[in-house]
N, C-alpha and C. Protein backbone atom coordinates (compact mmCIF):
# COMPACT_ATOMS: atom_id res chain seq x y z
N UNK A 1 9.81 -7.32 -6.71
CA UNK A 1 8.37 -7.44 -6.74
C UNK A 1 6.99 -7.08 -5.96
N UNK A 2 6.16 -6.66 -6.92
CA UNK A 2 5.40 -5.77 -6.44
C UNK A 2 3.83 -6.35 -6.99
N UNK A 3 3.07 -6.92 -6.21
CA UNK A 3 2.01 -7.77 -6.48
C UNK A 3 0.77 -7.12 -5.60
N UNK A 4 -0.31 -6.95 -7.09
CA UNK A 4 -1.44 -6.37 -6.18
C UNK A 4 -2.37 -6.98 -6.69
N UNK A 5 -3.41 -7.86 -5.50
CA UNK A 5 -4.53 -8.27 -5.49
C UNK A 5 -5.62 -8.07 -4.98
N UNK A 6 -6.47 -7.90 -6.09
CA UNK A 6 -8.04 -7.20 -5.38
C UNK A 6 -8.73 -8.84 -4.95
N UNK A 7 -9.31 -8.19 -3.87
CA UNK A 7 -10.13 -9.05 -2.90
C UNK A 7 -11.30 -8.38 -2.46
N UNK A 8 -12.63 -8.71 -2.96
CA UNK A 8 -13.66 -8.46 -3.27
C UNK A 8 -13.62 -6.86 -3.40
N UNK A 9 -14.73 -6.47 -3.40
CA UNK A 9 -15.09 -5.18 -3.85
C UNK A 9 -14.65 -4.10 -3.30
N UNK A 10 -14.06 -3.90 -2.07
CA UNK A 10 -13.12 -2.91 -1.65
C UNK A 10 -11.55 -3.04 -0.81
N UNK A 11 -10.87 -4.18 -1.50
CA UNK A 11 -9.97 -4.24 -0.74
C UNK A 11 -8.74 -4.63 -1.58
N UNK A 12 -7.65 -3.83 -1.34
CA UNK A 12 -6.66 -4.70 -2.33
C UNK A 12 -5.34 -5.36 -1.79
N UNK A 13 -4.86 -6.41 -1.63
CA UNK A 13 -3.54 -6.70 -0.83
C UNK A 13 -2.50 -6.36 -2.10
N UNK A 14 -1.42 -5.83 -1.45
CA UNK A 14 -0.17 -5.35 -1.89
C UNK A 14 0.97 -6.32 -1.43
N UNK A 15 2.14 -6.97 -2.00
CA UNK A 15 2.96 -7.52 -1.46
C UNK A 15 4.48 -6.76 -2.02
N UNK A 16 5.29 -6.45 -1.19
CA UNK A 16 6.27 -5.84 -1.98
C UNK A 16 7.54 -6.68 -1.37
N UNK A 17 8.56 -6.84 -2.14
CA UNK A 17 9.43 -7.45 -2.08
C UNK A 17 10.94 -7.38 -2.87
N UNK A 18 11.74 -7.41 -2.50
CA UNK A 18 12.98 -7.12 -3.18
C UNK A 18 13.20 -5.51 -3.78
N UNK A 19 13.96 -5.38 -4.72
CA UNK A 19 13.97 -3.65 -5.53
C UNK A 19 13.49 -3.49 -6.64
N UNK A 20 12.55 -2.22 -6.75
CA UNK A 20 11.95 -1.80 -8.07
C UNK A 20 12.46 -1.08 -8.84
N UNK A 21 12.43 -1.30 -10.39
CA UNK A 21 13.19 -0.41 -10.93
C UNK A 21 12.17 0.32 -11.88
N UNK A 22 12.64 0.91 -12.82
CA UNK A 22 11.67 1.91 -13.22
C UNK A 22 10.07 1.23 -13.82
N UNK A 23 10.72 0.09 -14.41
CA UNK A 23 9.68 -0.91 -15.66
C UNK A 23 8.61 -1.57 -14.68
N UNK A 24 9.27 -1.80 -13.55
CA UNK A 24 8.49 -2.36 -12.49
C UNK A 24 7.65 -1.81 -12.06
N UNK A 25 8.26 -0.32 -11.59
CA UNK A 25 7.45 0.75 -10.72
C UNK A 25 6.43 0.83 -11.77
N UNK A 26 6.66 1.40 -13.04
CA UNK A 26 5.38 1.72 -13.77
C UNK A 26 4.29 0.83 -13.81
N UNK A 27 4.68 -0.49 -14.06
CA UNK A 27 3.60 -1.82 -14.02
C UNK A 27 2.93 -1.92 -12.82
N UNK A 28 3.54 -1.49 -11.47
CA UNK A 28 2.90 -1.80 -10.35
C UNK A 28 1.61 -0.66 -10.15
N UNK A 29 2.45 0.88 -10.48
CA UNK A 29 1.15 1.89 -10.44
C UNK A 29 0.15 1.61 -11.26
N UNK A 30 0.56 1.00 -12.44
CA UNK A 30 -0.61 0.76 -13.75
C UNK A 30 -1.69 -0.26 -12.84
N UNK A 31 -1.20 -1.38 -12.69
CA UNK A 31 -1.86 -2.48 -11.48
C UNK A 31 -2.74 -1.83 -10.39
N UNK A 32 -2.06 -0.62 -9.54
CA UNK A 32 -2.90 -0.05 -8.14
C UNK A 32 -3.76 0.53 -8.89
N UNK A 33 -3.91 1.47 -10.07
CA UNK A 33 -4.83 2.19 -10.86
C UNK A 33 -5.85 1.28 -11.09
N UNK A 34 -5.58 0.57 -11.93
CA UNK A 34 -6.47 -0.51 -12.69
C UNK A 34 -7.12 -1.30 -11.67
N UNK A 35 -6.58 -1.72 -10.84
CA UNK A 35 -7.64 -2.42 -9.63
C UNK A 35 -8.43 -1.92 -8.79
N UNK A 36 -8.08 -0.33 -8.52
CA UNK A 36 -8.33 0.15 -7.31
C UNK A 36 -9.48 0.76 -7.94
N UNK A 37 -10.11 1.00 -9.37
CA UNK A 37 -10.83 2.02 -10.10
C UNK A 37 -12.16 2.21 -9.85
N UNK A 38 -12.99 1.19 -8.98
CA UNK A 38 -14.38 1.37 -8.32
C UNK A 38 -14.01 1.14 -6.90
N UNK A 39 -13.07 1.30 -6.61
CA UNK A 39 -13.10 1.24 -4.84
C UNK A 39 -13.55 2.25 -4.26
N UNK A 40 -14.37 2.57 -3.23
CA UNK A 40 -14.53 3.63 -2.56
C UNK A 40 -14.64 3.40 -1.01
N UNK A 41 -13.90 3.87 -0.23
CA UNK A 41 -13.91 3.51 1.19
C UNK A 41 -13.25 2.16 1.57
N UNK A 42 -12.62 1.92 0.89
CA UNK A 42 -11.63 0.77 0.53
C UNK A 42 -10.76 0.44 1.67
N UNK A 43 -9.96 -0.61 1.94
CA UNK A 43 -9.36 -1.06 2.53
C UNK A 43 -8.11 -1.63 2.12
N UNK A 44 -6.76 -1.75 2.55
CA UNK A 44 -5.55 -1.66 1.83
C UNK A 44 -4.69 -3.13 2.92
N UNK A 45 -4.18 -4.01 2.83
CA UNK A 45 -3.46 -4.95 3.24
C UNK A 45 -1.79 -4.99 2.64
N UNK A 46 -1.13 -4.03 3.16
CA UNK A 46 0.51 -3.97 2.33
C UNK A 46 1.31 -4.75 3.13
N UNK A 47 2.24 -5.82 2.36
CA UNK A 47 2.95 -7.09 3.04
C UNK A 47 4.50 -6.99 2.41
N UNK A 48 5.10 -5.63 3.59
CA UNK A 48 6.29 -6.07 2.66
C UNK A 48 7.66 -6.86 3.22
N UNK A 49 7.50 -7.95 2.45
CA UNK A 49 8.25 -9.09 2.56
C UNK A 49 9.54 -8.96 2.95
N UNK A 50 10.41 -8.08 1.71
CA UNK A 50 11.73 -7.64 2.04
C UNK A 50 11.66 -6.30 1.08
N UNK A 51 12.33 -5.48 1.88
CA UNK A 51 12.10 -4.09 1.37
C UNK A 51 13.72 -3.30 1.12
N UNK A 52 13.71 -3.00 -0.25
CA UNK A 52 14.92 -2.35 -0.89
C UNK A 52 14.55 -1.08 -1.21
N UNK A 53 15.47 -0.10 -0.92
CA UNK A 53 14.94 1.18 -1.73
C UNK A 53 14.89 1.01 -3.23
N UNK A 54 13.97 1.80 -3.79
CA UNK A 54 13.57 1.74 -5.27
C UNK A 54 14.87 2.26 -5.83
N UNK A 55 15.07 1.95 -7.34
CA UNK A 55 15.95 2.52 -8.27
C UNK A 55 15.83 4.37 -8.09
N UNK A 56 16.83 5.02 -8.25
CA UNK A 56 16.36 6.37 -8.81
C UNK A 56 15.40 6.41 -9.67
N UNK A 57 15.47 6.16 -10.74
CA UNK A 57 14.47 5.91 -12.18
C UNK A 57 12.89 5.63 -11.65
N UNK A 58 13.14 4.31 -10.94
CA UNK A 58 11.96 4.20 -10.36
C UNK A 58 10.92 5.10 -9.43
N UNK A 59 11.89 6.11 -8.67
CA UNK A 59 11.37 7.04 -7.91
C UNK A 59 11.10 7.69 -8.29
N UNK A 60 11.96 8.53 -9.82
CA UNK A 60 11.07 9.33 -10.66
C UNK A 60 9.91 9.16 -11.38
N UNK A 61 9.71 7.89 -11.68
CA UNK A 61 8.33 7.41 -12.07
C UNK A 61 7.38 7.50 -10.93
N UNK A 62 7.25 7.45 -9.80
CA UNK A 62 6.58 7.47 -8.74
C UNK A 62 6.48 9.03 -8.86
N UNK A 63 7.38 9.92 -8.37
CA UNK A 63 6.78 11.20 -8.48
C UNK A 63 6.50 11.92 -9.63
N UNK A 64 7.01 11.52 -10.86
CA UNK A 64 5.87 11.76 -12.30
C UNK A 64 4.43 11.47 -12.03
N UNK A 65 4.02 10.40 -10.98
CA UNK A 65 2.56 10.10 -10.99
C UNK A 65 1.81 10.57 -9.80
N UNK A 66 2.38 11.36 -9.17
CA UNK A 66 1.98 11.67 -7.65
C UNK A 66 0.23 12.16 -7.74
N UNK A 67 0.22 13.05 -8.65
CA UNK A 67 -1.20 13.55 -8.51
C UNK A 67 -2.71 12.44 -8.68
N UNK A 68 -2.20 11.63 -9.44
CA UNK A 68 -2.43 10.29 -9.79
C UNK A 68 -2.99 9.24 -8.52
N UNK A 69 -1.87 9.05 -7.91
CA UNK A 69 -1.27 8.56 -6.85
C UNK A 69 -2.30 9.28 -5.73
N UNK A 70 -2.30 10.64 -5.54
CA UNK A 70 -3.14 10.86 -4.21
C UNK A 70 -4.71 10.74 -4.71
N UNK A 71 -5.07 10.54 -5.97
CA UNK A 71 -6.30 10.30 -6.27
C UNK A 71 -6.80 9.09 -5.67
N UNK A 72 -5.71 8.19 -5.98
CA UNK A 72 -5.89 6.69 -5.66
C UNK A 72 -6.27 6.45 -4.37
N UNK A 73 -5.47 7.43 -3.65
CA UNK A 73 -5.23 7.08 -1.93
C UNK A 73 -6.68 7.58 -1.44
N UNK A 74 -7.50 8.59 -2.17
CA UNK A 74 -8.51 8.77 -1.47
C UNK A 74 -9.87 7.80 -1.61
N UNK A 75 -9.65 6.71 -2.42
CA UNK A 75 -10.32 5.64 -2.69
C UNK A 75 -10.38 4.65 -1.30
N UNK A 76 -9.45 4.96 -0.39
CA UNK A 76 -9.25 3.89 0.68
C UNK A 76 -9.14 4.74 2.14
N UNK A 77 -9.72 3.79 3.02
CA UNK A 77 -9.96 4.86 4.45
C UNK A 77 -9.08 3.93 5.59
N UNK A 78 -8.53 2.42 5.26
CA UNK A 78 -8.27 1.99 6.21
C UNK A 78 -6.66 1.07 5.43
N UNK A 79 -5.49 1.25 5.51
CA UNK A 79 -4.44 0.59 5.12
C UNK A 79 -3.87 -0.08 6.27
N UNK A 80 -3.55 -1.68 6.28
CA UNK A 80 -2.67 -2.18 7.53
C UNK A 80 -1.33 -2.35 6.54
N UNK A 81 -0.03 -2.30 7.45
CA UNK A 81 0.93 -2.79 7.00
C UNK A 81 1.95 -3.63 7.88
N UNK A 82 2.16 -4.77 7.10
CA UNK A 82 2.55 -5.82 7.57
C UNK A 82 4.58 -5.76 7.28
N UNK A 83 4.87 -5.80 8.54
CA UNK A 83 6.58 -5.74 8.23
C UNK A 83 7.17 -6.20 9.36
N UNK A 84 8.56 -6.73 9.30
CA UNK A 84 9.39 -6.81 10.21
C UNK A 84 10.26 -5.59 10.72
N UNK A 85 10.17 -4.82 10.21
CA UNK A 85 10.91 -3.24 10.29
C UNK A 85 10.40 -2.47 11.16
N UNK A 86 11.03 -2.04 12.17
CA UNK A 86 10.33 -1.15 12.84
C UNK A 86 10.16 0.05 12.42
N UNK A 87 11.22 0.48 11.48
CA UNK A 87 11.21 1.68 10.83
C UNK A 87 10.31 1.80 9.98
N UNK A 88 10.27 0.98 9.13
CA UNK A 88 8.92 0.74 8.14
C UNK A 88 7.64 1.18 8.58
N UNK A 89 7.46 0.52 9.98
CA UNK A 89 6.09 0.20 10.66
C UNK A 89 5.91 1.80 10.99
N UNK A 90 6.83 2.36 11.79
CA UNK A 90 6.98 3.50 12.22
C UNK A 90 6.28 4.82 11.03
N UNK A 91 7.12 4.41 10.06
CA UNK A 91 7.24 5.77 9.08
C UNK A 91 5.45 5.66 8.58
N UNK A 92 5.00 4.28 8.50
CA UNK A 92 3.99 3.89 7.83
C UNK A 92 2.34 4.76 8.64
N UNK A 93 2.78 4.59 9.96
CA UNK A 93 2.14 5.07 10.84
C UNK A 93 1.83 6.77 10.60
N UNK A 94 3.10 7.27 10.58
CA UNK A 94 3.44 8.46 10.59
C UNK A 94 2.79 9.17 9.13
N UNK A 95 2.87 8.86 7.95
CA UNK A 95 2.17 8.56 6.65
C UNK A 95 0.72 8.77 7.10
N UNK A 96 0.22 7.90 7.89
CA UNK A 96 -1.35 7.83 7.85
C UNK A 96 -1.85 9.24 8.74
N UNK A 97 -0.57 9.67 9.60
CA UNK A 97 -1.01 11.02 10.12
C UNK A 97 -1.11 12.02 9.24
N UNK A 98 -0.77 12.29 8.21
CA UNK A 98 -0.58 13.08 7.47
C UNK A 98 -1.24 13.51 6.07
N UNK A 99 -2.08 12.00 6.05
CA UNK A 99 -2.91 11.77 4.56
C UNK A 99 -4.21 12.15 5.50
N UNK A 100 -4.98 13.07 5.14
CA UNK A 100 -6.51 13.03 5.63
C UNK A 100 -7.45 11.77 5.24
N UNK A 101 -8.42 11.19 5.88
CA UNK A 101 -8.94 10.48 5.48
C UNK A 101 -8.61 8.63 5.60
N UNK A 102 -7.02 8.46 6.03
CA UNK A 102 -6.70 7.57 5.73
C UNK A 102 -5.94 7.30 6.94
N UNK A 103 -6.71 6.28 7.80
CA UNK A 103 -5.83 5.72 8.86
C UNK A 103 -4.97 4.23 8.45
N UNK A 104 -3.79 4.36 8.66
CA UNK A 104 -2.73 3.19 8.82
C UNK A 104 -2.10 2.78 10.19
N UNK A 105 -2.40 1.56 10.49
CA UNK A 105 -2.06 0.85 11.42
C UNK A 105 -1.16 -0.20 10.91
N UNK A 106 0.43 -0.45 11.61
CA UNK A 106 1.28 -1.15 11.15
C UNK A 106 1.47 -2.52 12.15
N UNK A 107 1.51 -3.62 11.58
CA UNK A 107 1.70 -5.13 12.22
C UNK A 107 2.85 -5.76 12.01
N UNK A 108 3.31 -6.57 12.91
CA UNK A 108 4.63 -7.68 12.48
C UNK A 108 4.11 -8.50 11.52
N UNK A 109 4.56 -9.07 10.66
CA UNK A 109 4.60 -10.00 9.61
C UNK A 109 3.68 -11.20 10.51
N UNK A 110 4.05 -11.89 11.45
CA UNK A 110 3.29 -12.82 11.75
C UNK A 110 1.74 -12.72 12.22
N UNK A 111 1.55 -11.05 12.33
CA UNK A 111 0.41 -10.57 12.86
C UNK A 111 -0.93 -10.55 11.79
N UNK A 112 -0.89 -11.16 11.06
CA UNK A 112 -1.74 -10.76 9.64
C UNK A 112 -3.07 -11.18 9.96
N UNK A 113 -3.57 -12.17 10.67
CA UNK A 113 -4.83 -12.28 10.95
C UNK A 113 -5.26 -11.13 11.98
N UNK A 114 -4.97 -10.77 13.03
CA UNK A 114 -5.14 -9.46 13.42
C UNK A 114 -5.27 -8.09 12.50
N UNK A 115 -4.08 -8.05 11.47
CA UNK A 115 -4.46 -7.02 10.91
C UNK A 115 -5.59 -7.09 9.70
N UNK A 116 -5.89 -8.36 9.69
CA UNK A 116 -6.93 -8.42 8.35
C UNK A 116 -8.29 -8.08 9.53
N UNK A 117 -8.41 -8.60 11.00
CA UNK A 117 -9.78 -8.62 11.64
C UNK A 117 -9.91 -6.61 11.83
N UNK A 118 -8.59 -5.91 11.88
CA UNK A 118 -8.70 -4.56 12.05
C UNK A 118 -9.11 -4.15 11.01
N UNK A 119 -8.50 -4.56 9.54
CA UNK A 119 -9.59 -3.60 8.40
C UNK A 119 -10.73 -3.81 8.31
N UNK A 120 -11.21 -5.06 9.28
CA UNK A 120 -12.51 -5.69 8.61
C UNK A 120 -13.72 -4.85 9.45
N UNK A 121 -12.95 -4.22 10.91
CA UNK A 121 -13.66 -3.54 11.85
C UNK A 121 -14.08 -2.45 11.68
N UNK A 122 -15.46 -2.19 11.62
CA UNK A 122 -16.15 -0.82 11.36
C UNK A 122 -16.52 -0.82 10.00
N UNK A 123 -16.44 -2.24 9.31
CA UNK A 123 -17.44 -1.93 8.01
C UNK A 123 -18.77 -2.12 7.71
């Protein structure tokens, strides 16, 4: 499952659980593009509930839309990642170091309030 919720003018909440196939990936990316269309300097709360590697066909869909995804990422300045897996938290923060203009901070899933406070700081 990949669920995208627009919260206010500049925030997206994303929930990820299970394994995505190609059709789910296409739908998820379409939803991300659609719901982030007017966001500038946005915030994102990414809740990784139960991560499974996406199918190869889903990864192919994502790679085919990389230019569009890079444009989408530029709409955001901060992202908080909630996960109980240390490797996901470390990978998320490393990704934040590699993407100019996007600060990513990882939190344990039970730290949702702290993550939301961090996202709101500096607005």
